[in-house]
Amino acid sequence: MRKIVTLTVLMENNVALLEHPACSPDLNPIENVWGWMAREVYKNGRQFLTVDALSCLNEFLNFCGKITKHETK
């Protein structure tokens, strides 16, 4: 019922709808963040055998510094 009401309101107001899958990663910005994080963590072929190795403080601080630099550009 909600779908019909929503579609009716959109059509009455001449709102164009985009055809895309419901869970399209292209339209979900957080998917881009996850991709960027994975590339940073595993760049240069790095691999981690334990969660502790992955979550070490040095990696975290480097990550935070890069986000801060990215946000200020």
N, C-alpha and C. Protein backbone atom coordinates (compact mmCIF):
# COMPACT_ATOMS: atom_id res chain seq x y z
N MET A 1 0.82 -1.20 0.00
CA MET A 1 0.00 0.00 0.00
C MET A 1 0.86 1.26 0.00
N ARG A 2 1.93 1.26 0.84
CA ARG A 2 2.79 2.44 0.91
C ARG A 2 3.45 2.71 -0.43
N LYS A 3 3.82 1.63 -1.13
CA LYS A 3 4.47 1.79 -2.42
C LYS A 3 3.55 2.50 -3.41
N ILE A 4 2.30 2.11 -3.43
CA ILE A 4 1.33 2.71 -4.35
C ILE A 4 1.14 4.19 -4.03
N VAL A 5 1.01 4.50 -2.75
CA VAL A 5 0.83 5.90 -2.34
C VAL A 5 2.06 6.71 -2.73
N THR A 6 3.24 6.17 -2.46
CA THR A 6 4.48 6.88 -2.79
C THR A 6 4.59 7.11 -4.28
N LEU A 7 4.35 6.08 -5.08
CA LEU A 7 4.42 6.22 -6.53
C LEU A 7 3.42 7.23 -7.04
N THR A 8 2.23 7.24 -6.48
CA THR A 8 1.20 8.20 -6.89
C THR A 8 1.65 9.63 -6.62
N VAL A 9 2.18 9.88 -5.43
CA VAL A 9 2.64 11.22 -5.08
C VAL A 9 3.78 11.64 -5.99
N LEU A 10 4.71 10.74 -6.26
CA LEU A 10 5.83 11.07 -7.13
C LEU A 10 5.36 11.39 -8.54
N MET A 11 4.43 10.60 -9.05
CA MET A 11 3.92 10.84 -10.40
C MET A 11 3.16 12.15 -10.48
N GLU A 12 2.38 12.46 -9.46
CA GLU A 12 1.61 13.71 -9.44
C GLU A 12 2.52 14.94 -9.43
N ASN A 13 3.72 14.78 -8.89
CA ASN A 13 4.67 15.89 -8.79
C ASN A 13 5.77 15.82 -9.84
N ASN A 14 5.55 14.98 -10.87
CA ASN A 14 6.48 14.86 -12.00
C ASN A 14 7.92 14.56 -11.56
N VAL A 15 8.05 13.65 -10.61
CA VAL A 15 9.38 13.23 -10.14
C VAL A 15 9.79 12.01 -10.95
N ALA A 16 10.94 12.10 -11.61
CA ALA A 16 11.44 10.98 -12.41
C ALA A 16 12.11 9.96 -11.50
N LEU A 17 11.82 8.71 -11.73
CA LEU A 17 12.42 7.63 -10.95
C LEU A 17 13.55 6.98 -11.73
N LEU A 18 14.61 6.61 -11.02
CA LEU A 18 15.72 5.89 -11.63
C LEU A 18 15.48 4.39 -11.47
N GLU A 19 15.69 3.67 -12.53
CA GLU A 19 15.58 2.22 -12.45
C GLU A 19 16.92 1.66 -11.99
N HIS A 20 16.94 1.05 -10.84
CA HIS A 20 18.16 0.43 -10.33
C HIS A 20 17.77 -0.64 -9.31
N PRO A 21 18.69 -1.57 -9.06
CA PRO A 21 18.40 -2.59 -8.05
C PRO A 21 18.23 -1.95 -6.67
N ALA A 22 17.46 -2.58 -5.84
CA ALA A 22 17.17 -2.03 -4.51
C ALA A 22 18.43 -1.82 -3.67
N CYS A 23 19.39 -2.68 -3.80
CA CYS A 23 20.62 -2.59 -2.99
C CYS A 23 21.82 -2.25 -3.86
N SER A 24 21.67 -1.33 -4.76
CA SER A 24 22.74 -0.97 -5.69
C SER A 24 23.91 -0.33 -4.96
N PRO A 25 25.11 -0.95 -4.97
CA PRO A 25 26.26 -0.35 -4.30
C PRO A 25 26.70 0.96 -4.94
N ASP A 26 26.36 1.15 -6.21
CA ASP A 26 26.74 2.40 -6.88
C ASP A 26 26.03 3.60 -6.29
N LEU A 27 24.88 3.38 -5.69
CA LEU A 27 24.10 4.48 -5.12
C LEU A 27 24.21 4.54 -3.60
N ASN A 28 25.10 3.74 -3.03
CA ASN A 28 25.27 3.70 -1.59
C ASN A 28 26.69 4.18 -1.27
N PRO A 29 26.86 5.42 -0.83
CA PRO A 29 28.20 5.98 -0.61
C PRO A 29 29.07 5.18 0.35
N ILE A 30 28.49 4.52 1.33
CA ILE A 30 29.31 3.79 2.29
C ILE A 30 30.05 2.65 1.61
N GLU A 31 29.52 2.12 0.51
CA GLU A 31 30.21 1.06 -0.21
C GLU A 31 31.54 1.56 -0.77
N ASN A 32 31.58 2.83 -1.18
CA ASN A 32 32.84 3.41 -1.65
C ASN A 32 33.84 3.52 -0.51
N VAL A 33 33.37 3.84 0.68
CA VAL A 33 34.26 3.94 1.85
C VAL A 33 34.83 2.56 2.17
N TRP A 34 33.99 1.53 2.18
CA TRP A 34 34.49 0.17 2.48
C TRP A 34 35.54 -0.25 1.46
N GLY A 35 35.30 0.06 0.19
CA GLY A 35 36.27 -0.29 -0.85
C GLY A 35 37.60 0.42 -0.65
N TRP A 36 37.52 1.71 -0.32
CA TRP A 36 38.74 2.49 -0.08
C TRP A 36 39.49 1.92 1.13
N MET A 37 38.77 1.61 2.19
CA MET A 37 39.41 1.06 3.39
C MET A 37 40.10 -0.27 3.08
N ALA A 38 39.44 -1.14 2.35
CA ALA A 38 40.04 -2.43 2.01
C ALA A 38 41.31 -2.25 1.18
N ARG A 39 41.28 -1.32 0.23
CA ARG A 39 42.48 -1.08 -0.58
C ARG A 39 43.62 -0.55 0.28
N GLU A 40 43.32 0.32 1.23
CA GLU A 40 44.35 0.85 2.12
C GLU A 40 44.94 -0.23 3.02
N VAL A 41 44.08 -1.05 3.59
CA VAL A 41 44.54 -2.08 4.53
C VAL A 41 45.39 -3.12 3.83
N TYR A 42 44.99 -3.53 2.64
CA TYR A 42 45.65 -4.63 1.96
C TYR A 42 46.59 -4.20 0.83
N LYS A 43 46.90 -2.89 0.74
CA LYS A 43 47.78 -2.46 -0.35
C LYS A 43 49.16 -3.07 -0.19
N ASN A 44 49.88 -3.14 -1.28
CA ASN A 44 51.21 -3.75 -1.33
C ASN A 44 51.20 -5.22 -0.94
N GLY A 45 50.06 -5.88 -1.11
CA GLY A 45 49.99 -7.31 -0.86
C GLY A 45 49.99 -7.71 0.61
N ARG A 46 49.75 -6.75 1.50
CA ARG A 46 49.74 -7.08 2.93
C ARG A 46 48.63 -8.06 3.24
N GLN A 47 48.93 -8.96 4.15
CA GLN A 47 47.93 -9.90 4.64
C GLN A 47 48.08 -10.00 6.15
N PHE A 48 46.98 -10.23 6.81
CA PHE A 48 46.98 -10.32 8.26
C PHE A 48 46.42 -11.67 8.68
N LEU A 49 47.13 -12.34 9.58
CA LEU A 49 46.73 -13.67 10.02
C LEU A 49 45.80 -13.64 11.22
N THR A 50 45.81 -12.53 11.95
CA THR A 50 44.94 -12.42 13.13
C THR A 50 44.23 -11.07 13.13
N VAL A 51 43.16 -11.00 13.87
CA VAL A 51 42.44 -9.74 14.03
C VAL A 51 43.32 -8.73 14.74
N ASP A 52 44.11 -9.20 15.71
CA ASP A 52 45.00 -8.29 16.44
C ASP A 52 46.00 -7.63 15.49
N ALA A 53 46.54 -8.39 14.55
CA ALA A 53 47.49 -7.82 13.61
C ALA A 53 46.81 -6.77 12.74
N LEU A 54 45.59 -7.03 12.35
CA LEU A 54 44.85 -6.09 11.51
C LEU A 54 44.49 -4.82 12.26
N SER A 55 44.13 -4.96 13.50
CA SER A 55 43.63 -3.81 14.25
C SER A 55 44.69 -3.13 15.10
N CYS A 56 45.93 -3.26 14.72
CA CYS A 56 46.99 -2.63 15.52
C CYS A 56 46.84 -1.11 15.51
N LEU A 57 47.32 -0.51 16.54
CA LEU A 57 47.15 0.93 16.73
C LEU A 57 47.80 1.74 15.62
N ASN A 58 48.94 1.33 15.12
CA ASN A 58 49.64 2.07 14.08
C ASN A 58 48.78 2.18 12.81
N GLU A 59 48.18 1.08 12.39
CA GLU A 59 47.32 1.13 11.21
C GLU A 59 46.14 2.06 11.44
N PHE A 60 45.55 1.99 12.62
CA PHE A 60 44.41 2.83 12.94
C PHE A 60 44.78 4.31 12.88
N LEU A 61 45.90 4.66 13.46
CA LEU A 61 46.32 6.07 13.46
C LEU A 61 46.63 6.54 12.04
N ASN A 62 47.28 5.71 11.24
CA ASN A 62 47.54 6.08 9.85
C ASN A 62 46.23 6.29 9.10
N PHE A 63 45.28 5.42 9.33
CA PHE A 63 43.97 5.52 8.67
C PHE A 63 43.28 6.83 9.05
N CYS A 64 43.27 7.14 10.32
CA CYS A 64 42.62 8.37 10.78
C CYS A 64 43.28 9.61 10.20
N GLY A 65 44.59 9.59 10.10
CA GLY A 65 45.32 10.73 9.51
C GLY A 65 44.97 10.92 8.06
N LYS A 66 44.80 9.84 7.31
CA LYS A 66 44.47 9.95 5.90
C LYS A 66 43.06 10.47 5.69
N ILE A 67 42.13 10.05 6.56
CA ILE A 67 40.75 10.55 6.44
C ILE A 67 40.74 12.05 6.73
N THR A 68 41.45 12.47 7.76
CA THR A 68 41.48 13.90 8.11
C THR A 68 42.07 14.71 6.95
N LYS A 69 43.14 14.23 6.34
CA LYS A 69 43.73 14.92 5.21
C LYS A 69 42.76 14.97 4.04
N HIS A 70 42.05 13.88 3.81
CA HIS A 70 41.09 13.80 2.70
C HIS A 70 39.94 14.78 2.90
N GLU A 71 39.47 14.91 4.14
CA GLU A 71 38.32 15.77 4.44
C GLU A 71 38.66 17.25 4.31
N THR A 72 39.93 17.61 4.52
CA THR A 72 40.29 19.03 4.50
C THR A 72 40.63 19.53 3.10
N LYS A 73 40.67 18.65 2.12
CA LYS A 73 41.00 19.09 0.75
C LYS A 73 39.82 19.76 0.12
